[in-house]
Amino acid sequence: MESTNLNIRTDKEVKAAAERIFAELGLNMTTAVNLFLRQAIRENGIPFSLKLDVPNDTTASAIEEGRRLARDGSVRGYTDMEALKAALR
């Protein structure tokens, strides 16, 4: 099989951390990248689950508060910006 070069860019810290992990596994960067590529071919896609970030605690609390307020019939709502601005004055 003929080989070719693959050039990628990454942060120095990411590379160093990955190299430490691979070394503990007895792998070098080339072997690890080749493992990833072969697994992607076998699975016909990224060989791990891709998910959106989970909101942090502050954001999750704000979302829950918004949902709670939306369900609370005693909380005044506004249907247009002018009414909201008038209430804020």
PDB file of N, CA and C in Angstrom:
ATOM      1  N   MET A   1       0.843  -1.174   0.000  1.00  0.00           N
ATOM      2  CA  MET A   1       0.000   0.000   0.000  1.00  0.00           C
ATOM      3  C   MET A   1       0.892   1.243   0.000  1.00  0.00           C
ATOM      4  N   GLU A   2       0.582   2.181  -0.853  1.00  0.00           N
ATOM      5  CA  GLU A   2       1.349   3.423  -0.941  1.00  0.00           C
ATOM      6  C   GLU A   2       0.910   4.382   0.153  1.00  0.00           C
ATOM      7  N   SER A   3       1.848   5.030   0.805  1.00  0.00           N
ATOM      8  CA  SER A   3       1.494   5.977   1.868  1.00  0.00           C
ATOM      9  C   SER A   3       1.589   7.408   1.344  1.00  0.00           C
ATOM     10  N   THR A   4       0.944   8.307   2.078  1.00  0.00           N
ATOM     11  CA  THR A   4       0.958   9.721   1.742  1.00  0.00           C
ATOM     12  C   THR A   4       1.057  10.518   3.033  1.00  0.00           C
ATOM     13  N   ASN A   5       1.408  11.767   2.937  1.00  0.00           N
ATOM     14  CA  ASN A   5       1.494  12.626   4.113  1.00  0.00           C
ATOM     15  C   ASN A   5       0.163  13.303   4.371  1.00  0.00           C
ATOM     16  N   LEU A   6      -0.129  13.522   5.637  1.00  0.00           N
ATOM     17  CA  LEU A   6      -1.326  14.237   6.072  1.00  0.00           C
ATOM     18  C   LEU A   6      -0.862  15.327   7.021  1.00  0.00           C
ATOM     19  N   ASN A   7      -1.101  16.572   6.683  1.00  0.00           N
ATOM     20  CA  ASN A   7      -0.696  17.691   7.533  1.00  0.00           C
ATOM     21  C   ASN A   7      -1.931  18.274   8.202  1.00  0.00           C
ATOM     22  N   ILE A   8      -1.885  18.387   9.518  1.00  0.00           N
ATOM     23  CA  ILE A   8      -2.988  18.993  10.263  1.00  0.00           C
ATOM     24  C   ILE A   8      -2.433  20.030  11.216  1.00  0.00           C
ATOM     25  N   ARG A   9      -3.287  20.954  11.629  1.00  0.00           N
ATOM     26  CA  ARG A   9      -2.889  21.971  12.600  1.00  0.00           C
ATOM     27  C   ARG A   9      -3.729  21.776  13.849  1.00  0.00           C
ATOM     28  N   THR A  10      -3.083  21.913  15.003  1.00  0.00           N
ATOM     29  CA  THR A  10      -3.778  21.832  16.280  1.00  0.00           C
ATOM     30  C   THR A  10      -3.000  22.646  17.305  1.00  0.00           C
ATOM     31  N   ASP A  11      -3.620  22.918  18.431  1.00  0.00           N
ATOM     32  CA  ASP A  11      -2.944  23.640  19.509  1.00  0.00           C
ATOM     33  C   ASP A  11      -1.811  22.795  20.075  1.00  0.00           C
ATOM     34  N   LYS A  12      -0.741  23.461  20.497  1.00  0.00           N
ATOM     35  CA  LYS A  12       0.397  22.748  21.090  1.00  0.00           C
ATOM     36  C   LYS A  12      -0.023  21.916  22.288  1.00  0.00           C
ATOM     37  N   GLU A  13      -0.881  22.498  23.134  1.00  0.00           N
ATOM     38  CA  GLU A  13      -1.316  21.797  24.345  1.00  0.00           C
ATOM     39  C   GLU A  13      -2.119  20.544  24.009  1.00  0.00           C
ATOM     40  N   VAL A  14      -2.977  20.628  22.984  1.00  0.00           N
ATOM     41  CA  VAL A  14      -3.777  19.479  22.567  1.00  0.00           C
ATOM     42  C   VAL A  14      -2.860  18.370  22.067  1.00  0.00           C
ATOM     43  N   LYS A  15      -1.902  18.746  21.242  1.00  0.00           N
ATOM     44  CA  LYS A  15      -0.954  17.754  20.706  1.00  0.00           C
ATOM     45  C   LYS A  15      -0.178  17.079  21.827  1.00  0.00           C
ATOM     46  N   ALA A  16       0.349  17.882  22.754  1.00  0.00           N
ATOM     47  CA  ALA A  16       1.149  17.326  23.847  1.00  0.00           C
ATOM     48  C   ALA A  16       0.326  16.390  24.728  1.00  0.00           C
ATOM     49  N   ALA A  17      -0.905  16.791  25.046  1.00  0.00           N
ATOM     50  CA  ALA A  17      -1.763  15.952  25.884  1.00  0.00           C
ATOM     51  C   ALA A  17      -2.093  14.645  25.177  1.00  0.00           C
ATOM     52  N   ALA A  18      -2.403  14.728  23.891  1.00  0.00           N
ATOM     53  CA  ALA A  18      -2.711  13.520  23.119  1.00  0.00           C
ATOM     54  C   ALA A  18      -1.487  12.609  23.028  1.00  0.00           C
ATOM     55  N   GLU A  19      -0.308  13.192  22.796  1.00  0.00           N
ATOM     56  CA  GLU A  19       0.916  12.386  22.711  1.00  0.00           C
ATOM     57  C   GLU A  19       1.191  11.640  24.018  1.00  0.00           C
ATOM     58  N   ARG A  20       0.924  12.300  25.149  1.00  0.00           N
ATOM     59  CA  ARG A  20       1.127  11.631  26.449  1.00  0.00           C
ATOM     60  C   ARG A  20       0.202  10.416  26.582  1.00  0.00           C
ATOM     61  N   ILE A  21      -1.051  10.605  26.214  1.00  0.00           N
ATOM     62  CA  ILE A  21      -2.014   9.500  26.295  1.00  0.00           C
ATOM     63  C   ILE A  21      -1.612   8.380  25.345  1.00  0.00           C
ATOM     64  N   PHE A  22      -1.292   8.719  24.107  1.00  0.00           N
ATOM     65  CA  PHE A  22      -0.910   7.695  23.122  1.00  0.00           C
ATOM     66  C   PHE A  22       0.332   6.940  23.570  1.00  0.00           C
ATOM     67  N   ALA A  23       1.302   7.656  24.152  1.00  0.00           N
ATOM     68  CA  ALA A  23       2.535   7.008  24.619  1.00  0.00           C
ATOM     69  C   ALA A  23       2.213   5.974  25.694  1.00  0.00           C
ATOM     70  N   GLU A  24       1.286   6.320  26.600  1.00  0.00           N
ATOM     71  CA  GLU A  24       0.895   5.364  27.639  1.00  0.00           C
ATOM     72  C   GLU A  24       0.232   4.126  27.029  1.00  0.00           C
ATOM     73  N   LEU A  25      -0.399   4.306  25.883  1.00  0.00           N
ATOM     74  CA  LEU A  25      -1.044   3.190  25.181  1.00  0.00           C
ATOM     75  C   LEU A  25      -0.077   2.463  24.253  1.00  0.00           C
ATOM     76  N   GLY A  26       1.174   2.951  24.183  1.00  0.00           N
ATOM     77  CA  GLY A  26       2.158   2.334  23.309  1.00  0.00           C
ATOM     78  C   GLY A  26       2.015   2.737  21.854  1.00  0.00           C
ATOM     79  N   LEU A  27       1.412   3.901  21.618  1.00  0.00           N
ATOM     80  CA  LEU A  27       1.174   4.387  20.252  1.00  0.00           C
ATOM     81  C   LEU A  27       1.909   5.696  20.030  1.00  0.00           C
ATOM     82  N   ASN A  28       2.199   5.985  18.771  1.00  0.00           N
ATOM     83  CA  ASN A  28       2.667   7.319  18.418  1.00  0.00           C
ATOM     84  C   ASN A  28       1.517   8.043  17.708  1.00  0.00           C
ATOM     85  N   MET A  29       1.708   9.310  17.407  1.00  0.00           N
ATOM     86  CA  MET A  29       0.645  10.118  16.797  1.00  0.00           C
ATOM     87  C   MET A  29       0.201   9.527  15.461  1.00  0.00           C
ATOM     88  N   THR A  30       1.137   9.088  14.629  1.00  0.00           N
ATOM     89  CA  THR A  30       0.793   8.528  13.313  1.00  0.00           C
ATOM     90  C   THR A  30      -0.111   7.313  13.456  1.00  0.00           C
ATOM     91  N   THR A  31       0.257   6.412  14.358  1.00  0.00           N
ATOM     92  CA  THR A  31      -0.540   5.203  14.549  1.00  0.00           C
ATOM     93  C   THR A  31      -1.930   5.559  15.085  1.00  0.00           C
ATOM     94  N   ALA A  32      -1.990   6.481  16.028  1.00  0.00           N
ATOM     95  CA  ALA A  32      -3.280   6.877  16.597  1.00  0.00           C
ATOM     96  C   ALA A  32      -4.188   7.508  15.542  1.00  0.00           C
ATOM     97  N   VAL A  33      -3.638   8.383  14.723  1.00  0.00           N
ATOM     98  CA  VAL A  33      -4.442   9.015  13.666  1.00  0.00           C
ATOM     99  C   VAL A  33      -4.901   7.957  12.662  1.00  0.00           C
ATOM    100  N   ASN A  34      -4.023   7.038  12.308  1.00  0.00           N
ATOM    101  CA  ASN A  34      -4.419   5.965  11.397  1.00  0.00           C
ATOM    102  C   ASN A  34      -5.518   5.096  11.992  1.00  0.00           C
ATOM    103  N   LEU A  35      -5.461   4.832  13.297  1.00  0.00           N
ATOM    104  CA  LEU A  35      -6.540   4.079  13.959  1.00  0.00           C
ATOM    105  C   LEU A  35      -7.868   4.820  13.831  1.00  0.00           C
ATOM    106  N   PHE A  36      -7.823   6.132  14.087  1.00  0.00           N
ATOM    107  CA  PHE A  36      -9.030   6.944  13.954  1.00  0.00           C
ATOM    108  C   PHE A  36      -9.590   6.879  12.536  1.00  0.00           C
ATOM    109  N   LEU A  37      -8.727   7.064  11.536  1.00  0.00           N
ATOM    110  CA  LEU A  37      -9.173   7.071  10.141  1.00  0.00           C
ATOM    111  C   LEU A  37      -9.764   5.722   9.735  1.00  0.00           C
ATOM    112  N   ARG A  38      -9.104   4.633  10.127  1.00  0.00           N
ATOM    113  CA  ARG A  38      -9.614   3.301   9.787  1.00  0.00           C
ATOM    114  C   ARG A  38     -10.953   3.023  10.472  1.00  0.00           C
ATOM    115  N   GLN A  39     -11.077   3.463  11.711  1.00  0.00           N
ATOM    116  CA  GLN A  39     -12.359   3.265  12.412  1.00  0.00           C
ATOM    117  C   GLN A  39     -13.460   4.088  11.758  1.00  0.00           C
ATOM    118  N   ALA A  40     -13.148   5.302  11.310  1.00  0.00           N
ATOM    119  CA  ALA A  40     -14.129   6.132  10.604  1.00  0.00           C
ATOM    120  C   ALA A  40     -14.585   5.444   9.322  1.00  0.00           C
ATOM    121  N   ILE A  41     -13.656   4.798   8.630  1.00  0.00           N
ATOM    122  CA  ILE A  41     -14.004   4.061   7.408  1.00  0.00           C
ATOM    123  C   ILE A  41     -14.905   2.879   7.748  1.00  0.00           C
ATOM    124  N   ARG A  42     -14.550   2.117   8.794  1.00  0.00           N
ATOM    125  CA  ARG A  42     -15.364   0.963   9.198  1.00  0.00           C
ATOM    126  C   ARG A  42     -16.787   1.365   9.557  1.00  0.00           C
ATOM    127  N   GLU A  43     -16.924   2.493  10.275  1.00  0.00           N
ATOM    128  CA  GLU A  43     -18.240   2.930  10.736  1.00  0.00           C
ATOM    129  C   GLU A  43     -18.939   3.844   9.738  1.00  0.00           C
ATOM    130  N   ASN A  44     -18.243   4.175   8.665  1.00  0.00           N
ATOM    131  CA  ASN A  44     -18.794   5.067   7.645  1.00  0.00           C
ATOM    132  C   ASN A  44     -19.238   6.401   8.266  1.00  0.00           C
ATOM    133  N   GLY A  45     -18.419   6.919   9.180  1.00  0.00           N
ATOM    134  CA  GLY A  45     -18.712   8.181   9.857  1.00  0.00           C
ATOM    135  C   GLY A  45     -17.739   8.402  10.993  1.00  0.00           C
ATOM    136  N   ILE A  46     -17.977   9.447  11.754  1.00  0.00           N
ATOM    137  CA  ILE A  46     -17.146   9.743  12.913  1.00  0.00           C
ATOM    138  C   ILE A  46     -17.320   8.594  13.911  1.00  0.00           C
ATOM    139  N   PRO A  47     -16.222   8.030  14.426  1.00  0.00           N
ATOM    140  CA  PRO A  47     -16.339   6.843  15.273  1.00  0.00           C
ATOM    141  C   PRO A  47     -16.670   7.121  16.744  1.00  0.00           C
ATOM    142  N   PHE A  48     -17.350   8.216  17.003  1.00  0.00           N
ATOM    143  CA  PHE A  48     -17.839   8.510  18.346  1.00  0.00           C
ATOM    144  C   PHE A  48     -19.029   9.447  18.201  1.00  0.00           C
ATOM    145  N   SER A  49     -19.812   9.553  19.251  1.00  0.00           N
ATOM    146  CA  SER A  49     -21.019  10.358  19.219  1.00  0.00           C
ATOM    147  C   SER A  49     -20.689  11.844  19.272  1.00  0.00           C
ATOM    148  N   LEU A  50     -21.306  12.628  18.415  1.00  0.00           N
ATOM    149  CA  LEU A  50     -21.154  14.078  18.423  1.00  0.00           C
ATOM    150  C   LEU A  50     -22.414  14.671  19.031  1.00  0.00           C
ATOM    151  N   LYS A  51     -22.263  15.486  20.057  1.00  0.00           N
ATOM    152  CA  LYS A  51     -23.398  16.067  20.750  1.00  0.00           C
ATOM    153  C   LYS A  51     -23.173  17.555  20.947  1.00  0.00           C
ATOM    154  N   LEU A  52     -24.271  18.271  21.056  1.00  0.00           N
ATOM    155  CA  LEU A  52     -24.181  19.689  21.379  1.00  0.00           C
ATOM    156  C   LEU A  52     -23.782  19.838  22.838  1.00  0.00           C
ATOM    157  N   ASP A  53     -23.165  20.954  23.177  1.00  0.00           N
ATOM    158  CA  ASP A  53     -22.775  21.209  24.562  1.00  0.00           C
ATOM    159  C   ASP A  53     -24.000  21.264  25.461  1.00  0.00           C
ATOM    160  N   VAL A  54     -23.860  20.719  26.636  1.00  0.00           N
ATOM    161  CA  VAL A  54     -24.902  20.801  27.649  1.00  0.00           C
ATOM    162  C   VAL A  54     -24.752  22.151  28.326  1.00  0.00           C
ATOM    163  N   PRO A  55     -25.867  22.856  28.563  1.00  0.00           N
ATOM    164  CA  PRO A  55     -25.722  24.164  29.202  1.00  0.00           C
ATOM    165  C   PRO A  55     -25.106  24.051  30.598  1.00  0.00           C
ATOM    166  N   ASN A  56     -24.334  25.067  30.987  1.00  0.00           N
ATOM    167  CA  ASN A  56     -23.763  25.077  32.335  1.00  0.00           C
ATOM    168  C   ASN A  56     -24.878  25.317  33.347  1.00  0.00           C
ATOM    169  N   ASP A  57     -24.554  25.236  34.640  1.00  0.00           N
ATOM    170  CA  ASP A  57     -25.563  25.345  35.697  1.00  0.00           C
ATOM    171  C   ASP A  57     -26.330  26.658  35.646  1.00  0.00           C
ATOM    172  N   THR A  58     -25.642  27.759  35.396  1.00  0.00           N
ATOM    173  CA  THR A  58     -26.300  29.070  35.343  1.00  0.00           C
ATOM    174  C   THR A  58     -27.302  29.127  34.199  1.00  0.00           C
ATOM    175  N   THR A  59     -26.878  28.667  33.020  1.00  0.00           N
ATOM    176  CA  THR A  59     -27.764  28.679  31.862  1.00  0.00           C
ATOM    177  C   THR A  59     -28.939  27.726  32.067  1.00  0.00           C
ATOM    178  N   ALA A  60     -28.671  26.533  32.602  1.00  0.00           N
ATOM    179  CA  ALA A  60     -29.746  25.566  32.854  1.00  0.00           C
ATOM    180  C   ALA A  60     -30.770  26.144  33.833  1.00  0.00           C
ATOM    181  N   SER A  61     -30.300  26.851  34.870  1.00  0.00           N
ATOM    182  CA  SER A  61     -31.215  27.483  35.836  1.00  0.00           C
ATOM    183  C   SER A  61     -32.052  28.563  35.167  1.00  0.00           C
ATOM    184  N   ALA A  62     -31.414  29.363  34.298  1.00  0.00           N
ATOM    185  CA  ALA A  62     -32.139  30.425  33.599  1.00  0.00           C
ATOM    186  C   ALA A  62     -33.200  29.841  32.670  1.00  0.00           C
ATOM    187  N   ILE A  63     -32.873  28.755  31.997  1.00  0.00           N
ATOM    188  CA  ILE A  63     -33.846  28.097  31.115  1.00  0.00           C
ATOM    189  C   ILE A  63     -35.024  27.592  31.927  1.00  0.00           C
ATOM    190  N   GLU A  64     -34.738  26.939  33.054  1.00  0.00           N
ATOM    191  CA  GLU A  64     -35.808  26.425  33.910  1.00  0.00           C
ATOM    192  C   GLU A  64     -36.669  27.547  34.461  1.00  0.00           C
ATOM    193  N   GLU A  65     -36.034  28.649  34.866  1.00  0.00           N
ATOM    194  CA  GLU A  65     -36.802  29.793  35.364  1.00  0.00           C
ATOM    195  C   GLU A  65     -37.710  30.345  34.276  1.00  0.00           C
ATOM    196  N   GLY A  66     -37.211  30.450  33.069  1.00  0.00           N
ATOM    197  CA  GLY A  66     -38.034  30.925  31.951  1.00  0.00           C
ATOM    198  C   GLY A  66     -39.221  30.010  31.697  1.00  0.00           C
ATOM    199  N   ARG A  67     -38.989  28.694  31.751  1.00  0.00           N
ATOM    200  CA  ARG A  67     -40.092  27.744  31.556  1.00  0.00           C
ATOM    201  C   ARG A  67     -41.117  27.852  32.678  1.00  0.00           C
ATOM    202  N   ARG A  68     -40.626  28.026  33.929  1.00  0.00           N
ATOM    203  CA  ARG A  68     -41.524  28.152  35.072  1.00  0.00           C
ATOM    204  C   ARG A  68     -42.375  29.415  34.937  1.00  0.00           C
ATOM    205  N   LEU A  69     -41.743  30.521  34.547  1.00  0.00           N
ATOM    206  CA  LEU A  69     -42.479  31.774  34.357  1.00  0.00           C
ATOM    207  C   LEU A  69     -43.496  31.657  33.227  1.00  0.00           C
ATOM    208  N   ALA A  70     -43.150  30.939  32.179  1.00  0.00           N
ATOM    209  CA  ALA A  70     -44.064  30.775  31.045  1.00  0.00           C
ATOM    210  C   ALA A  70     -45.316  29.997  31.455  1.00  0.00           C
ATOM    211  N   ARG A  71     -45.174  29.083  32.402  1.00  0.00           N
ATOM    212  CA  ARG A  71     -46.316  28.284  32.865  1.00  0.00           C
ATOM    213  C   ARG A  71     -47.153  28.991  33.930  1.00  0.00           C
ATOM    214  N   ASP A  72     -46.573  30.010  34.559  1.00  0.00           N
ATOM    215  CA  ASP A  72     -47.233  30.705  35.670  1.00  0.00           C
ATOM    216  C   ASP A  72     -48.205  31.748  35.126  1.00  0.00           C
ATOM    217  N   GLY A  73     -49.502  31.495  35.316  1.00  0.00           N
ATOM    218  CA  GLY A  73     -50.526  32.405  34.808  1.00  0.00           C
ATOM    219  C   GLY A  73     -50.528  33.761  35.479  1.00  0.00           C
ATOM    220  N   SER A  74     -49.921  33.893  36.654  1.00  0.00           N
ATOM    221  CA  SER A  74     -49.919  35.178  37.363  1.00  0.00           C
ATOM    222  C   SER A  74     -48.809  36.108  36.872  1.00  0.00           C
ATOM    223  N   VAL A  75     -47.903  35.598  36.047  1.00  0.00           N
ATOM    224  CA  VAL A  75     -46.812  36.421  35.517  1.00  0.00           C
ATOM    225  C   VAL A  75     -47.304  37.152  34.281  1.00  0.00           C
ATOM    226  N   ARG A  76     -47.122  38.466  34.297  1.00  0.00           N
ATOM    227  CA  ARG A  76     -47.591  39.285  33.181  1.00  0.00           C
ATOM    228  C   ARG A  76     -46.685  39.074  31.969  1.00  0.00           C
ATOM    229  N   GLY A  77     -47.307  38.882  30.813  1.00  0.00           N
ATOM    230  CA  GLY A  77     -46.574  38.740  29.562  1.00  0.00           C
ATOM    231  C   GLY A  77     -46.864  39.912  28.645  1.00  0.00           C
ATOM    232  N   TYR A  78     -46.071  40.061  27.627  1.00  0.00           N
ATOM    233  CA  TYR A  78     -46.227  41.167  26.673  1.00  0.00           C
ATOM    234  C   TYR A  78     -46.232  40.606  25.268  1.00  0.00           C
ATOM    235  N   THR A  79     -47.094  41.178  24.434  1.00  0.00           N
ATOM    236  CA  THR A  79     -47.205  40.688  23.057  1.00  0.00           C
ATOM    237  C   THR A  79     -46.441  41.547  22.066  1.00  0.00           C
ATOM    238  N   ASP A  80     -45.961  42.717  22.520  1.00  0.00           N
ATOM    239  CA  ASP A  80     -45.172  43.555  21.619  1.00  0.00           C
ATOM    240  C   ASP A  80     -44.161  44.375  22.422  1.00  0.00           C
ATOM    241  N   MET A  81     -43.157  44.870  21.742  1.00  0.00           N
ATOM    242  CA  MET A  81     -42.065  45.600  22.389  1.00  0.00           C
ATOM    243  C   MET A  81     -42.530  46.910  23.017  1.00  0.00           C
ATOM    244  N   GLU A  82     -43.479  47.573  22.407  1.00  0.00           N
ATOM    245  CA  GLU A  82     -43.944  48.853  22.951  1.00  0.00           C
ATOM    246  C   GLU A  82     -44.587  48.659  24.315  1.00  0.00           C
ATOM    247  N   ALA A  83     -45.380  47.598  24.485  1.00  0.00           N
ATOM    248  CA  ALA A  83     -46.007  47.321  25.779  1.00  0.00           C
ATOM    249  C   ALA A  83     -44.939  46.997  26.821  1.00  0.00           C
ATOM    250  N   LEU A  84     -43.922  46.246  26.438  1.00  0.00           N
ATOM    251  CA  LEU A  84     -42.842  45.913  27.354  1.00  0.00           C
ATOM    252  C   LEU A  84     -42.071  47.166  27.754  1.00  0.00           C
ATOM    253  N   LYS A  85     -41.753  48.009  26.785  1.00  0.00           N
ATOM    254  CA  LYS A  85     -41.030  49.266  27.084  1.00  0.00           C
ATOM    255  C   LYS A  85     -41.850  50.150  28.025  1.00  0.00           C
ATOM    256  N   ALA A  86     -43.155  50.224  27.793  1.00  0.00           N
ATOM    257  CA  ALA A  86     -44.008  51.043  28.643  1.00  0.00           C
ATOM    258  C   ALA A  86     -44.015  50.513  30.071  1.00  0.00           C
ATOM    259  N   ALA A  87     -44.019  49.196  30.235  1.00  0.00           N
ATOM    260  CA  ALA A  87     -44.017  48.612  31.576  1.00  0.00           C
ATOM    261  C   ALA A  87     -42.693  48.846  32.283  1.00  0.00           C
ATOM    262  N   LEU A  88     -41.602  48.938  31.536  1.00  0.00           N
ATOM    263  CA  LEU A  88     -40.290  49.148  32.123  1.00  0.00           C
ATOM    264  C   LEU A  88     -40.063  50.602  32.569  1.00  0.00           C
ATOM    265  N   ARG A  89     -40.861  51.528  32.036  1.00  0.00           N
ATOM    266  CA  ARG A  89     -40.683  52.955  32.377  1.00  0.00           C
ATOM    267  C   ARG A  89     -41.170  53.251  33.736  1.00  0.00           C
TER     268      ARG A  89
END
